[in-house]
Amino acid sequence: MNRSILLTIDGIINLVLGLLLIAFSTPLVEALGIPDAPGFYPNILGGVLFGIGIALFLEKRNQGPLGSGLGLNGAAAINICGGLVLAGWLIFGDLSLPLYSSVLLWTLVLLLVGISSAELLART
């Protein structure tokens, strides 16, 4: 897949997820049936921040005078870390989610890991 297309898709996914978290409220949680478990959202944010840390170290290796932004490798690192933390919660978190919420969150895991895989494959 074209690098520009991958970055556009990844950008859209992250913008939508970011807007949902910015608008985070009890009615939204109830409507989506997503977890309201203690630690769930801080853990997801921790996974994303860990991925950002990896992305920044990858960017540090770029020798250009202005860098190139985080690019495909950085985007993949961020998405895979966030996606794997979410998968960990879904597998080990004892969340007792309704079926539609489980489907929504597993779809998100597949989307994040899938776009990350495509980005890493595009680099090879």
N, C-alpha and C. Protein backbone atom coordinates (compact mmCIF):
# COMPACT_ATOMS: atom_id res chain seq x y z
N MET A 1 0.85 -1.18 0.00
CA MET A 1 0.00 0.00 0.00
C MET A 1 0.89 1.25 0.00
N ASN A 2 0.44 2.30 -0.59
CA ASN A 2 1.17 3.56 -0.68
C ASN A 2 1.37 4.17 0.71
N ARG A 3 2.56 4.68 0.98
CA ARG A 3 2.90 5.28 2.27
C ARG A 3 1.94 6.41 2.64
N SER A 4 1.61 7.25 1.69
CA SER A 4 0.71 8.38 1.93
C SER A 4 -0.70 7.90 2.32
N ILE A 5 -1.17 6.86 1.66
CA ILE A 5 -2.49 6.31 1.97
C ILE A 5 -2.50 5.73 3.38
N LEU A 6 -1.45 4.98 3.72
CA LEU A 6 -1.37 4.40 5.07
C LEU A 6 -1.36 5.47 6.14
N LEU A 7 -0.59 6.52 5.93
CA LEU A 7 -0.54 7.60 6.92
C LEU A 7 -1.87 8.32 7.02
N THR A 8 -2.57 8.47 5.90
CA THR A 8 -3.90 9.10 5.93
C THR A 8 -4.90 8.25 6.70
N ILE A 9 -4.92 6.95 6.43
CA ILE A 9 -5.83 6.05 7.15
C ILE A 9 -5.49 6.06 8.64
N ASP A 10 -4.21 5.98 8.95
CA ASP A 10 -3.77 5.99 10.35
C ASP A 10 -4.16 7.30 11.02
N GLY A 11 -3.98 8.40 10.33
CA GLY A 11 -4.36 9.70 10.87
C GLY A 11 -5.85 9.80 11.17
N ILE A 12 -6.66 9.29 10.27
CA ILE A 12 -8.12 9.31 10.48
C ILE A 12 -8.50 8.47 11.70
N ILE A 13 -7.92 7.27 11.79
CA ILE A 13 -8.21 6.40 12.94
C ILE A 13 -7.87 7.12 14.24
N ASN A 14 -6.69 7.72 14.29
CA ASN A 14 -6.26 8.39 15.52
C ASN A 14 -7.07 9.64 15.82
N LEU A 15 -7.46 10.39 14.81
CA LEU A 15 -8.30 11.56 15.04
C LEU A 15 -9.66 11.17 15.62
N VAL A 16 -10.26 10.11 15.06
CA VAL A 16 -11.56 9.66 15.55
C VAL A 16 -11.45 9.17 16.99
N LEU A 17 -10.43 8.35 17.27
CA LEU A 17 -10.24 7.87 18.64
C LEU A 17 -9.96 9.02 19.60
N GLY A 18 -9.16 9.97 19.16
CA GLY A 18 -8.87 11.14 19.98
C GLY A 18 -10.12 11.95 20.29
N LEU A 19 -10.96 12.16 19.28
CA LEU A 19 -12.21 12.91 19.50
C LEU A 19 -13.13 12.17 20.47
N LEU A 20 -13.20 10.85 20.34
CA LEU A 20 -14.03 10.08 21.27
C LEU A 20 -13.53 10.21 22.70
N LEU A 21 -12.21 10.18 22.87
CA LEU A 21 -11.66 10.32 24.23
C LEU A 21 -11.80 11.74 24.75
N ILE A 22 -11.69 12.73 23.88
CA ILE A 22 -11.90 14.12 24.31
C ILE A 22 -13.34 14.31 24.75
N ALA A 23 -14.26 13.69 24.04
CA ALA A 23 -15.69 13.81 24.36
C ALA A 23 -16.12 12.80 25.42
N PHE A 24 -15.18 12.07 25.99
CA PHE A 24 -15.47 11.02 26.96
C PHE A 24 -16.42 11.52 28.03
N SER A 25 -17.51 10.80 28.18
CA SER A 25 -18.49 11.15 29.21
C SER A 25 -19.24 9.89 29.61
N THR A 26 -19.91 9.93 30.74
CA THR A 26 -20.68 8.78 31.20
C THR A 26 -21.73 8.36 30.18
N PRO A 27 -22.51 9.30 29.58
CA PRO A 27 -23.48 8.85 28.57
C PRO A 27 -22.83 8.16 27.37
N LEU A 28 -21.66 8.62 26.95
CA LEU A 28 -20.96 8.00 25.83
C LEU A 28 -20.52 6.58 26.21
N VAL A 29 -19.96 6.42 27.40
CA VAL A 29 -19.54 5.11 27.89
C VAL A 29 -20.72 4.17 27.93
N GLU A 30 -21.85 4.64 28.45
CA GLU A 30 -23.05 3.81 28.55
C GLU A 30 -23.60 3.46 27.16
N ALA A 31 -23.61 4.42 26.26
CA ALA A 31 -24.14 4.19 24.91
C ALA A 31 -23.30 3.16 24.15
N LEU A 32 -21.98 3.24 24.28
CA LEU A 32 -21.09 2.32 23.58
C LEU A 32 -20.91 1.01 24.33
N GLY A 33 -21.26 1.01 25.63
CA GLY A 33 -21.08 -0.19 26.44
C GLY A 33 -19.63 -0.52 26.70
N ILE A 34 -18.77 0.48 26.61
CA ILE A 34 -17.34 0.25 26.81
C ILE A 34 -17.01 0.27 28.30
N PRO A 35 -15.87 -0.27 28.67
CA PRO A 35 -15.55 -0.43 30.09
C PRO A 35 -15.46 0.89 30.84
N ASP A 36 -15.90 0.81 32.07
CA ASP A 36 -15.73 1.92 33.00
C ASP A 36 -14.89 1.41 34.18
N ALA A 37 -14.04 0.41 33.87
CA ALA A 37 -13.22 -0.23 34.90
C ALA A 37 -12.09 0.69 35.34
N PRO A 38 -11.79 0.70 36.64
CA PRO A 38 -10.65 1.48 37.11
C PRO A 38 -9.37 1.02 36.42
N GLY A 39 -8.60 1.96 35.96
CA GLY A 39 -7.34 1.65 35.32
C GLY A 39 -7.41 1.41 33.83
N PHE A 40 -8.60 1.19 33.28
CA PHE A 40 -8.71 0.86 31.86
C PHE A 40 -8.14 1.97 30.98
N TYR A 41 -8.64 3.17 31.14
CA TYR A 41 -8.20 4.27 30.26
C TYR A 41 -6.77 4.72 30.55
N PRO A 42 -6.35 4.78 31.83
CA PRO A 42 -4.93 5.09 32.06
C PRO A 42 -4.00 4.05 31.44
N ASN A 43 -4.39 2.77 31.47
CA ASN A 43 -3.56 1.73 30.85
C ASN A 43 -3.49 1.91 29.34
N ILE A 44 -4.62 2.22 28.71
CA ILE A 44 -4.63 2.44 27.26
C ILE A 44 -3.74 3.64 26.93
N LEU A 45 -3.90 4.73 27.69
CA LEU A 45 -3.06 5.91 27.47
C LEU A 45 -1.59 5.56 27.69
N GLY A 46 -1.30 4.75 28.70
CA GLY A 46 0.08 4.32 28.94
C GLY A 46 0.64 3.57 27.76
N GLY A 47 -0.16 2.69 27.16
CA GLY A 47 0.29 1.96 25.98
C GLY A 47 0.58 2.89 24.82
N VAL A 48 -0.27 3.87 24.62
CA VAL A 48 -0.07 4.85 23.54
C VAL A 48 1.18 5.69 23.82
N LEU A 49 1.33 6.15 25.06
CA LEU A 49 2.52 6.94 25.40
C LEU A 49 3.81 6.12 25.25
N PHE A 50 3.76 4.85 25.62
CA PHE A 50 4.91 3.97 25.43
C PHE A 50 5.25 3.89 23.94
N GLY A 51 4.22 3.74 23.10
CA GLY A 51 4.43 3.72 21.65
C GLY A 51 5.00 5.03 21.14
N ILE A 52 4.56 6.14 21.71
CA ILE A 52 5.10 7.45 21.31
C ILE A 52 6.58 7.52 21.69
N GLY A 53 6.93 7.00 22.87
CA GLY A 53 8.33 6.96 23.28
C GLY A 53 9.19 6.17 22.30
N ILE A 54 8.69 5.00 21.89
CA ILE A 54 9.42 4.21 20.90
C ILE A 54 9.53 4.99 19.59
N ALA A 55 8.43 5.62 19.18
CA ALA A 55 8.43 6.39 17.93
C ALA A 55 9.45 7.52 17.97
N LEU A 56 9.56 8.18 19.11
CA LEU A 56 10.52 9.27 19.23
C LEU A 56 11.96 8.77 19.16
N PHE A 57 12.24 7.62 19.77
CA PHE A 57 13.59 7.06 19.66
C PHE A 57 13.89 6.61 18.24
N LEU A 58 12.87 6.09 17.53
CA LEU A 58 13.07 5.76 16.12
C LEU A 58 13.35 7.01 15.31
N GLU A 59 12.63 8.10 15.59
CA GLU A 59 12.84 9.35 14.87
C GLU A 59 14.21 9.94 15.18
N LYS A 60 14.68 9.75 16.40
CA LYS A 60 16.00 10.26 16.80
C LYS A 60 17.10 9.70 15.90
N ARG A 61 16.88 8.49 15.43
CA ARG A 61 17.87 7.86 14.55
C ARG A 61 17.93 8.51 13.18
N ASN A 62 16.88 9.27 12.80
CA ASN A 62 16.85 9.95 11.51
C ASN A 62 17.91 11.04 11.52
N GLN A 63 18.77 11.03 10.55
CA GLN A 63 19.90 11.95 10.53
C GLN A 63 19.63 13.26 9.79
N GLY A 64 18.43 13.43 9.23
CA GLY A 64 18.13 14.66 8.50
C GLY A 64 18.09 15.86 9.43
N PRO A 65 18.31 17.07 8.91
CA PRO A 65 18.36 18.26 9.76
C PRO A 65 17.03 18.58 10.45
N LEU A 66 15.92 18.28 9.80
CA LEU A 66 14.61 18.57 10.39
C LEU A 66 13.84 17.31 10.74
N GLY A 67 14.43 16.15 10.52
CA GLY A 67 13.69 14.91 10.75
C GLY A 67 12.62 14.75 9.70
N SER A 68 11.82 13.75 9.86
CA SER A 68 10.76 13.52 8.88
C SER A 68 9.42 13.29 9.56
N GLY A 69 9.31 13.68 10.81
CA GLY A 69 8.11 13.33 11.55
C GLY A 69 8.23 11.88 11.98
N LEU A 70 7.23 11.37 12.61
CA LEU A 70 7.34 10.01 13.13
C LEU A 70 7.21 8.96 12.04
N GLY A 71 6.57 9.26 10.94
CA GLY A 71 6.50 8.36 9.81
C GLY A 71 5.83 7.03 10.10
N LEU A 72 6.02 6.09 9.18
CA LEU A 72 5.35 4.80 9.28
C LEU A 72 5.82 3.98 10.48
N ASN A 73 7.11 3.95 10.74
CA ASN A 73 7.61 3.17 11.88
C ASN A 73 7.05 3.70 13.19
N GLY A 74 7.06 5.01 13.35
CA GLY A 74 6.53 5.60 14.58
C GLY A 74 5.04 5.37 14.73
N ALA A 75 4.31 5.53 13.64
CA ALA A 75 2.86 5.30 13.69
C ALA A 75 2.57 3.85 14.04
N ALA A 76 3.35 2.93 13.47
CA ALA A 76 3.16 1.51 13.78
C ALA A 76 3.45 1.23 15.25
N ALA A 77 4.51 1.81 15.78
CA ALA A 77 4.86 1.59 17.19
C ALA A 77 3.74 2.08 18.11
N ILE A 78 3.22 3.25 17.84
CA ILE A 78 2.15 3.81 18.67
C ILE A 78 0.89 2.95 18.60
N ASN A 79 0.48 2.58 17.40
CA ASN A 79 -0.74 1.80 17.22
C ASN A 79 -0.63 0.41 17.81
N ILE A 80 0.50 -0.23 17.60
CA ILE A 80 0.63 -1.60 18.09
C ILE A 80 0.67 -1.63 19.61
N CYS A 81 1.33 -0.66 20.24
CA CYS A 81 1.36 -0.61 21.71
C CYS A 81 -0.04 -0.37 22.27
N GLY A 82 -0.75 0.60 21.74
CA GLY A 82 -2.12 0.86 22.20
C GLY A 82 -3.04 -0.32 21.94
N GLY A 83 -2.93 -0.92 20.77
CA GLY A 83 -3.76 -2.06 20.41
C GLY A 83 -3.50 -3.28 21.29
N LEU A 84 -2.23 -3.53 21.59
CA LEU A 84 -1.90 -4.68 22.43
C LEU A 84 -2.34 -4.49 23.88
N VAL A 85 -2.25 -3.26 24.39
CA VAL A 85 -2.76 -3.01 25.74
C VAL A 85 -4.27 -3.22 25.78
N LEU A 86 -4.98 -2.73 24.76
CA LEU A 86 -6.43 -2.96 24.69
C LEU A 86 -6.73 -4.45 24.61
N ALA A 87 -5.99 -5.18 23.79
CA ALA A 87 -6.20 -6.63 23.69
C ALA A 87 -5.95 -7.30 25.04
N GLY A 88 -4.94 -6.85 25.75
CA GLY A 88 -4.66 -7.39 27.08
C GLY A 88 -5.84 -7.20 28.02
N TRP A 89 -6.44 -6.01 27.99
CA TRP A 89 -7.63 -5.76 28.81
C TRP A 89 -8.78 -6.66 28.41
N LEU A 90 -8.97 -6.84 27.11
CA LEU A 90 -10.08 -7.66 26.65
C LEU A 90 -9.89 -9.13 27.01
N ILE A 91 -8.65 -9.59 27.04
CA ILE A 91 -8.37 -11.00 27.36
C ILE A 91 -8.34 -11.23 28.87
N PHE A 92 -7.66 -10.35 29.59
CA PHE A 92 -7.39 -10.60 31.01
C PHE A 92 -8.15 -9.69 31.98
N GLY A 93 -8.90 -8.71 31.46
CA GLY A 93 -9.49 -7.69 32.31
C GLY A 93 -10.79 -8.02 33.00
N ASP A 94 -11.42 -9.16 32.71
CA ASP A 94 -12.69 -9.52 33.32
C ASP A 94 -13.67 -8.34 33.27
N LEU A 95 -13.92 -7.85 32.06
CA LEU A 95 -14.70 -6.63 31.85
C LEU A 95 -16.21 -6.85 31.79
N SER A 96 -16.68 -8.04 31.56
CA SER A 96 -18.12 -8.33 31.47
C SER A 96 -18.83 -7.36 30.51
N LEU A 97 -18.38 -7.33 29.28
CA LEU A 97 -18.93 -6.42 28.28
C LEU A 97 -20.09 -7.07 27.54
N PRO A 98 -21.05 -6.23 27.10
CA PRO A 98 -22.07 -6.77 26.19
C PRO A 98 -21.40 -7.16 24.86
N LEU A 99 -22.04 -8.05 24.12
CA LEU A 99 -21.47 -8.56 22.88
C LEU A 99 -21.09 -7.44 21.92
N TYR A 100 -21.97 -6.45 21.72
CA TYR A 100 -21.68 -5.38 20.77
C TYR A 100 -20.46 -4.57 21.19
N SER A 101 -20.22 -4.42 22.48
CA SER A 101 -19.04 -3.70 22.95
C SER A 101 -17.78 -4.51 22.72
N SER A 102 -17.86 -5.82 22.96
CA SER A 102 -16.72 -6.69 22.69
C SER A 102 -16.36 -6.66 21.21
N VAL A 103 -17.37 -6.72 20.36
CA VAL A 103 -17.13 -6.67 18.91
C VAL A 103 -16.50 -5.32 18.54
N LEU A 104 -17.01 -4.24 19.08
CA LEU A 104 -16.46 -2.90 18.81
C LEU A 104 -14.99 -2.81 19.23
N LEU A 105 -14.68 -3.26 20.43
CA LEU A 105 -13.30 -3.14 20.93
C LEU A 105 -12.35 -4.10 20.23
N TRP A 106 -12.80 -5.33 19.93
CA TRP A 106 -11.93 -6.24 19.19
C TRP A 106 -11.71 -5.75 17.76
N THR A 107 -12.73 -5.12 17.18
CA THR A 107 -12.56 -4.52 15.85
C THR A 107 -11.50 -3.43 15.91
N LEU A 108 -11.52 -2.64 16.98
CA LEU A 108 -10.51 -1.60 17.16
C LEU A 108 -9.12 -2.21 17.28
N VAL A 109 -8.99 -3.29 18.05
CA VAL A 109 -7.69 -3.98 18.18
C VAL A 109 -7.22 -4.43 16.80
N LEU A 110 -8.11 -5.09 16.04
CA LEU A 110 -7.74 -5.57 14.71
C LEU A 110 -7.38 -4.42 13.77
N LEU A 111 -8.10 -3.32 13.88
CA LEU A 111 -7.81 -2.14 13.06
C LEU A 111 -6.43 -1.58 13.39
N LEU A 112 -6.13 -1.42 14.68
CA LEU A 112 -4.84 -0.86 15.09
C LEU A 112 -3.67 -1.79 14.73
N VAL A 113 -3.81 -3.07 15.03
CA VAL A 113 -2.74 -4.01 14.72
C VAL A 113 -2.64 -4.21 13.21
N GLY A 114 -3.79 -4.20 12.53
CA GLY A 114 -3.78 -4.36 11.07
C GLY A 114 -3.10 -3.21 10.36
N ILE A 115 -3.43 -1.97 10.75
CA ILE A 115 -2.79 -0.82 10.09
C ILE A 115 -1.30 -0.80 10.43
N SER A 116 -0.95 -1.20 11.65
CA SER A 116 0.46 -1.27 12.04
C SER A 116 1.20 -2.28 11.18
N SER A 117 0.59 -3.44 10.98
CA SER A 117 1.22 -4.48 10.15
C SER A 117 1.41 -3.98 8.72
N ALA A 118 0.39 -3.31 8.19
CA ALA A 118 0.50 -2.78 6.82
C ALA A 118 1.61 -1.73 6.75
N GLU A 119 1.73 -0.89 7.78
CA GLU A 119 2.77 0.13 7.79
C GLU A 119 4.17 -0.50 7.85
N LEU A 120 4.31 -1.53 8.68
CA LEU A 120 5.61 -2.20 8.77
C LEU A 120 5.95 -2.94 7.49
N LEU A 121 4.94 -3.56 6.86
CA LEU A 121 5.18 -4.23 5.59
C LEU A 121 5.56 -3.25 4.49
N ALA A 122 4.96 -2.05 4.54
CA ALA A 122 5.26 -1.02 3.54
C ALA A 122 6.71 -0.55 3.65
N ARG A 123 7.29 -0.68 4.83
CA ARG A 123 8.68 -0.25 5.04
C ARG A 123 9.68 -1.25 4.50
N THR A 124 9.23 -2.51 4.28
CA THR A 124 10.18 -3.53 3.82
C THR A 124 10.18 -3.66 2.32
